[in-house]
Amino acid sequence: MKASILPNDISVVYSYRPDVAREYLTIDVPNGWDDVKKISKKVLSYDSRKFTFTGWNSDTNQCYFARSLHETIAPIATFVK
């Protein structure tokens, strides 16, 4: 049997907090900021829901994406030169 690596997929841990009506994705970033800077300006899609970057913890080498359960994702702006 063979396995293949999916180029745009990353491993995440999903969690949610009903008390603050937010869902979270936690991602391991073993290379610290070098990994975080590659994904911090991205929008992640998880089960057809969009999550935006909220921060990272350099002590545990994890970064966090979140979305509100009550509102849609904020518009993403594009810089024009």
PDB file of N, CA and C in Angstrom:
ATOM      1  N   MET A   1       0.835  -1.184   0.000  1.00  0.00           N
ATOM      2  CA  MET A   1       0.000   0.000   0.000  1.00  0.00           C
ATOM      3  C   MET A   1       0.878   1.245   0.000  1.00  0.00           C
ATOM      4  N   LYS A   2       0.384   2.276  -0.663  1.00  0.00           N
ATOM      5  CA  LYS A   2       1.121   3.529  -0.733  1.00  0.00           C
ATOM      6  C   LYS A   2       0.279   4.653  -0.141  1.00  0.00           C
ATOM      7  N   ALA A   3       0.960   5.608   0.410  1.00  0.00           N
ATOM      8  CA  ALA A   3       0.303   6.814   0.922  1.00  0.00           C
ATOM      9  C   ALA A   3       0.922   8.019   0.234  1.00  0.00           C
ATOM     10  N   SER A   4       0.146   9.057   0.096  1.00  0.00           N
ATOM     11  CA  SER A   4       0.678  10.267  -0.516  1.00  0.00           C
ATOM     12  C   SER A   4       0.413  11.459   0.387  1.00  0.00           C
ATOM     13  N   ILE A   5       1.263  12.454   0.263  1.00  0.00           N
ATOM     14  CA  ILE A   5       1.132  13.688   1.044  1.00  0.00           C
ATOM     15  C   ILE A   5       0.265  14.654   0.253  1.00  0.00           C
ATOM     16  N   LEU A   6      -0.744  15.201   0.899  1.00  0.00           N
ATOM     17  CA  LEU A   6      -1.609  16.179   0.258  1.00  0.00           C
ATOM     18  C   LEU A   6      -0.971  17.551   0.410  1.00  0.00           C
ATOM     19  N   PRO A   7      -0.716  18.250  -0.692  1.00  0.00           N
ATOM     20  CA  PRO A   7       0.087  19.480  -0.656  1.00  0.00           C
ATOM     21  C   PRO A   7      -0.513  20.646   0.127  1.00  0.00           C
ATOM     22  N   ASN A   8      -1.829  20.748   0.211  1.00  0.00           N
ATOM     23  CA  ASN A   8      -2.439  21.894   0.888  1.00  0.00           C
ATOM     24  C   ASN A   8      -3.120  21.527   2.198  1.00  0.00           C
ATOM     25  N   ASP A   9      -2.931  20.319   2.678  1.00  0.00           N
ATOM     26  CA  ASP A   9      -3.568  19.892   3.917  1.00  0.00           C
ATOM     27  C   ASP A   9      -2.573  19.939   5.071  1.00  0.00           C
ATOM     28  N   ILE A  10      -3.069  20.346   6.232  1.00  0.00           N
ATOM     29  CA  ILE A  10      -2.251  20.345   7.442  1.00  0.00           C
ATOM     30  C   ILE A  10      -3.051  19.710   8.573  1.00  0.00           C
ATOM     31  N   SER A  11      -2.359  19.168   9.522  1.00  0.00           N
ATOM     32  CA  SER A  11      -2.995  18.524  10.657  1.00  0.00           C
ATOM     33  C   SER A  11      -3.401  19.582  11.686  1.00  0.00           C
ATOM     34  N   VAL A  12      -4.640  19.509  12.166  1.00  0.00           N
ATOM     35  CA  VAL A  12      -5.141  20.471  13.147  1.00  0.00           C
ATOM     36  C   VAL A  12      -5.876  19.733  14.258  1.00  0.00           C
ATOM     37  N   VAL A  13      -6.041  20.413  15.380  1.00  0.00           N
ATOM     38  CA  VAL A  13      -6.890  19.933  16.465  1.00  0.00           C
ATOM     39  C   VAL A  13      -8.037  20.918  16.579  1.00  0.00           C
ATOM     40  N   TYR A  14      -9.259  20.414  16.469  1.00  0.00           N
ATOM     41  CA  TYR A  14     -10.457  21.251  16.541  1.00  0.00           C
ATOM     42  C   TYR A  14     -10.975  21.284  17.975  1.00  0.00           C
ATOM     43  N   SER A  15     -11.422  22.457  18.404  1.00  0.00           N
ATOM     44  CA  SER A  15     -12.088  22.583  19.700  1.00  0.00           C
ATOM     45  C   SER A  15     -13.089  23.727  19.616  1.00  0.00           C
ATOM     46  N   TYR A  16     -13.995  23.777  20.560  1.00  0.00           N
ATOM     47  CA  TYR A  16     -14.925  24.898  20.594  1.00  0.00           C
ATOM     48  C   TYR A  16     -15.263  25.243  22.032  1.00  0.00           C
ATOM     49  N   ARG A  17     -15.649  26.492  22.230  1.00  0.00           N
ATOM     50  CA  ARG A  17     -16.047  26.983  23.548  1.00  0.00           C
ATOM     51  C   ARG A  17     -17.442  27.581  23.424  1.00  0.00           C
ATOM     52  N   PRO A  18     -18.456  26.851  23.849  1.00  0.00           N
ATOM     53  CA  PRO A  18     -19.816  27.370  23.751  1.00  0.00           C
ATOM     54  C   PRO A  18     -20.040  28.616  24.611  1.00  0.00           C
ATOM     55  N   ASP A  19     -19.263  28.767  25.692  1.00  0.00           N
ATOM     56  CA  ASP A  19     -19.440  29.925  26.571  1.00  0.00           C
ATOM     57  C   ASP A  19     -19.052  31.241  25.898  1.00  0.00           C
ATOM     58  N   VAL A  20     -18.161  31.197  24.905  1.00  0.00           N
ATOM     59  CA  VAL A  20     -17.780  32.404  24.160  1.00  0.00           C
ATOM     60  C   VAL A  20     -18.185  32.304  22.688  1.00  0.00           C
ATOM     61  N   ALA A  21     -18.881  31.221  22.325  1.00  0.00           N
ATOM     62  CA  ALA A  21     -19.398  31.002  20.972  1.00  0.00           C
ATOM     63  C   ALA A  21     -18.304  31.110  19.908  1.00  0.00           C
ATOM     64  N   ARG A  22     -17.190  30.402  20.149  1.00  0.00           N
ATOM     65  CA  ARG A  22     -16.085  30.396  19.186  1.00  0.00           C
ATOM     66  C   ARG A  22     -15.584  28.977  18.964  1.00  0.00           C
ATOM     67  N   GLU A  23     -15.123  28.729  17.743  1.00  0.00           N
ATOM     68  CA  GLU A  23     -14.467  27.478  17.391  1.00  0.00           C
ATOM     69  C   GLU A  23     -12.993  27.776  17.173  1.00  0.00           C
ATOM     70  N   TYR A  24     -12.151  26.803  17.461  1.00  0.00           N
ATOM     71  CA  TYR A  24     -10.707  26.998  17.357  1.00  0.00           C
ATOM     72  C   TYR A  24     -10.045  25.853  16.608  1.00  0.00           C
ATOM     73  N   LEU A  25      -8.972  26.172  15.899  1.00  0.00           N
ATOM     74  CA  LEU A  25      -8.070  25.180  15.323  1.00  0.00           C
ATOM     75  C   LEU A  25      -6.698  25.429  15.917  1.00  0.00           C
ATOM     76  N   THR A  26      -6.075  24.387  16.421  1.00  0.00           N
ATOM     77  CA  THR A  26      -4.727  24.478  16.968  1.00  0.00           C
ATOM     78  C   THR A  26      -3.795  23.697  16.051  1.00  0.00           C
ATOM     79  N   ILE A  27      -2.676  24.324  15.706  1.00  0.00           N
ATOM     80  CA  ILE A  27      -1.727  23.732  14.765  1.00  0.00           C
ATOM     81  C   ILE A  27      -0.344  23.713  15.395  1.00  0.00           C
ATOM     82  N   ASP A  28       0.312  22.561  15.352  1.00  0.00           N
ATOM     83  CA  ASP A  28       1.692  22.478  15.826  1.00  0.00           C
ATOM     84  C   ASP A  28       2.614  23.155  14.819  1.00  0.00           C
ATOM     85  N   VAL A  29       3.522  23.972  15.319  1.00  0.00           N
ATOM     86  CA  VAL A  29       4.505  24.664  14.478  1.00  0.00           C
ATOM     87  C   VAL A  29       5.900  24.383  15.053  1.00  0.00           C
ATOM     88  N   PRO A  30       6.466  23.221  14.733  1.00  0.00           N
ATOM     89  CA  PRO A  30       7.725  22.801  15.350  1.00  0.00           C
ATOM     90  C   PRO A  30       8.901  23.737  15.084  1.00  0.00           C
ATOM     91  N   ASN A  31       8.847  24.496  13.989  1.00  0.00           N
ATOM     92  CA  ASN A  31       9.928  25.435  13.671  1.00  0.00           C
ATOM     93  C   ASN A  31       9.604  26.855  14.112  1.00  0.00           C
ATOM     94  N   GLY A  32       8.656  26.985  15.024  1.00  0.00           N
ATOM     95  CA  GLY A  32       8.337  28.288  15.601  1.00  0.00           C
ATOM     96  C   GLY A  32       7.858  29.303  14.583  1.00  0.00           C
ATOM     97  N   TRP A  33       8.387  30.530  14.704  1.00  0.00           N
ATOM     98  CA  TRP A  33       7.935  31.627  13.862  1.00  0.00           C
ATOM     99  C   TRP A  33       8.142  31.351  12.376  1.00  0.00           C
ATOM    100  N   ASP A  34       9.156  30.561  12.020  1.00  0.00           N
ATOM    101  CA  ASP A  34       9.376  30.238  10.609  1.00  0.00           C
ATOM    102  C   ASP A  34       8.157  29.525  10.009  1.00  0.00           C
ATOM    103  N   ASP A  35       7.498  28.677  10.790  1.00  0.00           N
ATOM    104  CA  ASP A  35       6.275  28.011  10.335  1.00  0.00           C
ATOM    105  C   ASP A  35       5.072  28.947  10.410  1.00  0.00           C
ATOM    106  N   VAL A  36       4.980  29.705  11.504  1.00  0.00           N
ATOM    107  CA  VAL A  36       3.829  30.587  11.715  1.00  0.00           C
ATOM    108  C   VAL A  36       3.718  31.631  10.608  1.00  0.00           C
ATOM    109  N   LYS A  37       4.832  32.235  10.223  1.00  0.00           N
ATOM    110  CA  LYS A  37       4.764  33.308   9.224  1.00  0.00           C
ATOM    111  C   LYS A  37       4.277  32.813   7.865  1.00  0.00           C
ATOM    112  N   LYS A  38       4.378  31.509   7.608  1.00  0.00           N
ATOM    113  CA  LYS A  38       3.898  30.953   6.345  1.00  0.00           C
ATOM    114  C   LYS A  38       2.374  30.845   6.294  1.00  0.00           C
ATOM    115  N   ILE A  39       1.725  30.755   7.466  1.00  0.00           N
ATOM    116  CA  ILE A  39       0.277  30.542   7.478  1.00  0.00           C
ATOM    117  C   ILE A  39      -0.517  31.632   8.185  1.00  0.00           C
ATOM    118  N   SER A  40       0.158  32.566   8.844  1.00  0.00           N
ATOM    119  CA  SER A  40      -0.560  33.553   9.661  1.00  0.00           C
ATOM    120  C   SER A  40      -1.445  34.493   8.856  1.00  0.00           C
ATOM    121  N   LYS A  41      -1.160  34.695   7.588  1.00  0.00           N
ATOM    122  CA  LYS A  41      -1.981  35.591   6.765  1.00  0.00           C
ATOM    123  C   LYS A  41      -2.967  34.822   5.894  1.00  0.00           C
ATOM    124  N   LYS A  42      -3.132  33.542   6.182  1.00  0.00           N
ATOM    125  CA  LYS A  42      -4.028  32.685   5.413  1.00  0.00           C
ATOM    126  C   LYS A  42      -5.373  32.544   6.130  1.00  0.00           C
ATOM    127  N   VAL A  43      -6.369  32.156   5.372  1.00  0.00           N
ATOM    128  CA  VAL A  43      -7.658  31.762   5.918  1.00  0.00           C
ATOM    129  C   VAL A  43      -7.736  30.259   5.755  1.00  0.00           C
ATOM    130  N   LEU A  44      -8.007  29.535   6.858  1.00  0.00           N
ATOM    131  CA  LEU A  44      -8.079  28.081   6.798  1.00  0.00           C
ATOM    132  C   LEU A  44      -9.525  27.637   6.649  1.00  0.00           C
ATOM    133  N   SER A  45      -9.749  26.662   5.808  1.00  0.00           N
ATOM    134  CA  SER A  45     -11.065  26.069   5.638  1.00  0.00           C
ATOM    135  C   SER A  45     -11.064  24.718   6.343  1.00  0.00           C
ATOM    136  N   TYR A  46     -12.042  24.517   7.217  1.00  0.00           N
ATOM    137  CA  TYR A  46     -12.173  23.271   7.973  1.00  0.00           C
ATOM    138  C   TYR A  46     -13.652  22.887   7.952  1.00  0.00           C
ATOM    139  N   ASP A  47     -13.978  21.767   7.339  1.00  0.00           N
ATOM    140  CA  ASP A  47     -15.376  21.352   7.174  1.00  0.00           C
ATOM    141  C   ASP A  47     -16.229  22.477   6.593  1.00  0.00           C
ATOM    142  N   SER A  48     -15.710  23.130   5.582  1.00  0.00           N
ATOM    143  CA  SER A  48     -16.386  24.230   4.875  1.00  0.00           C
ATOM    144  C   SER A  48     -16.611  25.477   5.733  1.00  0.00           C
ATOM    145  N   ARG A  49     -15.915  25.585   6.854  1.00  0.00           N
ATOM    146  CA  ARG A  49     -15.983  26.780   7.705  1.00  0.00           C
ATOM    147  C   ARG A  49     -14.638  27.479   7.635  1.00  0.00           C
ATOM    148  N   LYS A  50     -14.640  28.802   7.646  1.00  0.00           N
ATOM    149  CA  LYS A  50     -13.406  29.573   7.501  1.00  0.00           C
ATOM    150  C   LYS A  50     -12.918  30.099   8.842  1.00  0.00           C
ATOM    151  N   PHE A  51     -11.617  29.926   9.077  1.00  0.00           N
ATOM    152  CA  PHE A  51     -10.974  30.324  10.322  1.00  0.00           C
ATOM    153  C   PHE A  51      -9.849  31.311  10.015  1.00  0.00           C
ATOM    154  N   THR A  52      -9.672  32.308  10.882  1.00  0.00           N
ATOM    155  CA  THR A  52      -8.590  33.277  10.713  1.00  0.00           C
ATOM    156  C   THR A  52      -7.602  33.167  11.869  1.00  0.00           C
ATOM    157  N   PHE A  53      -6.388  33.579  11.606  1.00  0.00           N
ATOM    158  CA  PHE A  53      -5.290  33.513  12.574  1.00  0.00           C
ATOM    159  C   PHE A  53      -5.572  34.420  13.765  1.00  0.00           C
ATOM    160  N   THR A  54      -5.343  33.902  14.966  1.00  0.00           N
ATOM    161  CA  THR A  54      -5.522  34.720  16.175  1.00  0.00           C
ATOM    162  C   THR A  54      -4.241  34.889  16.981  1.00  0.00           C
ATOM    163  N   GLY A  55      -3.253  34.012  16.800  1.00  0.00           N
ATOM    164  CA  GLY A  55      -2.007  34.164  17.544  1.00  0.00           C
ATOM    165  C   GLY A  55      -1.258  32.845  17.643  1.00  0.00           C
ATOM    166  N   TRP A  56      -0.138  32.920  18.368  1.00  0.00           N
ATOM    167  CA  TRP A  56       0.643  31.709  18.571  1.00  0.00           C
ATOM    168  C   TRP A  56       1.324  31.748  19.916  1.00  0.00           C
ATOM    169  N   ASN A  57       1.730  30.564  20.401  1.00  0.00           N
ATOM    170  CA  ASN A  57       2.404  30.420  21.681  1.00  0.00           C
ATOM    171  C   ASN A  57       3.797  29.870  21.408  1.00  0.00           C
ATOM    172  N   SER A  58       4.807  30.695  21.637  1.00  0.00           N
ATOM    173  CA  SER A  58       6.182  30.282  21.347  1.00  0.00           C
ATOM    174  C   SER A  58       6.708  29.270  22.367  1.00  0.00           C
ATOM    175  N   ASP A  59       6.078  29.178  23.534  1.00  0.00           N
ATOM    176  CA  ASP A  59       6.505  28.191  24.530  1.00  0.00           C
ATOM    177  C   ASP A  59       6.096  26.774  24.134  1.00  0.00           C
ATOM    178  N   THR A  60       4.893  26.648  23.556  1.00  0.00           N
ATOM    179  CA  THR A  60       4.391  25.322  23.168  1.00  0.00           C
ATOM    180  C   THR A  60       4.516  25.055  21.670  1.00  0.00           C
ATOM    181  N   ASN A  61       4.973  26.066  20.904  1.00  0.00           N
ATOM    182  CA  ASN A  61       5.071  25.969  19.443  1.00  0.00           C
ATOM    183  C   ASN A  61       3.745  25.534  18.818  1.00  0.00           C
ATOM    184  N   GLN A  62       2.701  26.304  19.135  1.00  0.00           N
ATOM    185  CA  GLN A  62       1.386  26.086  18.557  1.00  0.00           C
ATOM    186  C   GLN A  62       0.831  27.425  18.090  1.00  0.00           C
ATOM    187  N   CYS A  63       0.066  27.391  16.987  1.00  0.00           N
ATOM    188  CA  CYS A  63      -0.625  28.605  16.562  1.00  0.00           C
ATOM    189  C   CYS A  63      -2.117  28.320  16.531  1.00  0.00           C
ATOM    190  N   TYR A  64      -2.902  29.387  16.549  1.00  0.00           N
ATOM    191  CA  TYR A  64      -4.336  29.269  16.738  1.00  0.00           C
ATOM    192  C   TYR A  64      -5.102  30.047  15.681  1.00  0.00           C
ATOM    193  N   PHE A  65      -6.128  29.419  15.174  1.00  0.00           N
ATOM    194  CA  PHE A  65      -7.084  30.041  14.256  1.00  0.00           C
ATOM    195  C   PHE A  65      -8.450  29.915  14.911  1.00  0.00           C
ATOM    196  N   ALA A  66      -9.330  30.888  14.668  1.00  0.00           N
ATOM    197  CA  ALA A  66     -10.643  30.863  15.307  1.00  0.00           C
ATOM    198  C   ALA A  66     -11.711  31.407  14.375  1.00  0.00           C
ATOM    199  N   ARG A  67     -12.950  31.109  14.737  1.00  0.00           N
ATOM    200  CA  ARG A  67     -14.104  31.698  14.054  1.00  0.00           C
ATOM    201  C   ARG A  67     -15.235  31.808  15.063  1.00  0.00           C
ATOM    202  N   SER A  68     -16.040  32.831  14.882  1.00  0.00           N
ATOM    203  CA  SER A  68     -17.198  33.040  15.731  1.00  0.00           C
ATOM    204  C   SER A  68     -18.335  32.147  15.257  1.00  0.00           C
ATOM    205  N   LEU A  69     -19.131  31.658  16.185  1.00  0.00           N
ATOM    206  CA  LEU A  69     -20.301  30.870  15.828  1.00  0.00           C
ATOM    207  C   LEU A  69     -21.486  31.754  15.448  1.00  0.00           C
ATOM    208  N   HIS A  70     -21.362  33.076  15.667  1.00  0.00           N
ATOM    209  CA  HIS A  70     -22.483  33.982  15.437  1.00  0.00           C
ATOM    210  C   HIS A  70     -22.335  34.891  14.235  1.00  0.00           C
ATOM    211  N   GLU A  71     -21.176  34.958  13.644  1.00  0.00           N
ATOM    212  CA  GLU A  71     -20.989  35.880  12.528  1.00  0.00           C
ATOM    213  C   GLU A  71     -20.173  35.234  11.433  1.00  0.00           C
ATOM    214  N   THR A  72     -20.266  35.788  10.261  1.00  0.00           N
ATOM    215  CA  THR A  72     -19.470  35.284   9.154  1.00  0.00           C
ATOM    216  C   THR A  72     -18.074  35.881   9.236  1.00  0.00           C
ATOM    217  N   ILE A  73     -17.175  35.321   8.480  1.00  0.00           N
ATOM    218  CA  ILE A  73     -15.792  35.781   8.489  1.00  0.00           C
ATOM    219  C   ILE A  73     -15.699  37.212   7.955  1.00  0.00           C
ATOM    220  N   ALA A  74     -14.829  37.980   8.537  1.00  0.00           N
ATOM    221  CA  ALA A  74     -14.617  39.354   8.077  1.00  0.00           C
ATOM    222  C   ALA A  74     -14.012  39.333   6.675  1.00  0.00           C
ATOM    223  N   PRO A  75     -14.309  40.335   5.879  1.00  0.00           N
ATOM    224  CA  PRO A  75     -13.720  40.376   4.532  1.00  0.00           C
ATOM    225  C   PRO A  75     -12.195  40.419   4.591  1.00  0.00           C
ATOM    226  N   ILE A  76     -11.571  39.791   3.643  1.00  0.00           N
ATOM    227  CA  ILE A  76     -10.116  39.787   3.548  1.00  0.00           C
ATOM    228  C   ILE A  76      -9.713  40.865   2.538  1.00  0.00           C
ATOM    229  N   ALA A  77      -8.818  41.739   2.933  1.00  0.00           N
ATOM    230  CA  ALA A  77      -8.388  42.825   2.060  1.00  0.00           C
ATOM    231  C   ALA A  77      -7.160  42.409   1.259  1.00  0.00           C
ATOM    232  N   THR A  78      -7.009  42.979   0.099  1.00  0.00           N
ATOM    233  CA  THR A  78      -5.842  42.757  -0.748  1.00  0.00           C
ATOM    234  C   THR A  78      -5.169  44.096  -0.999  1.00  0.00           C
ATOM    235  N   PHE A  79      -3.872  44.165  -0.770  1.00  0.00           N
ATOM    236  CA  PHE A  79      -3.126  45.390  -1.023  1.00  0.00           C
ATOM    237  C   PHE A  79      -2.856  45.527  -2.518  1.00  0.00           C
ATOM    238  N   VAL A  80      -3.030  46.737  -3.025  1.00  0.00           N
ATOM    239  CA  VAL A  80      -2.763  47.015  -4.429  1.00  0.00           C
ATOM    240  C   VAL A  80      -1.648  48.045  -4.493  1.00  0.00           C
ATOM    241  N   LYS A  81      -0.635  47.779  -5.288  1.00  0.00           N
ATOM    242  CA  LYS A  81       0.502  48.713  -5.401  1.00  0.00           C
ATOM    243  C   LYS A  81       0.186  49.807  -6.391  1.00  0.00           C
TER     244      LYS A  81
END
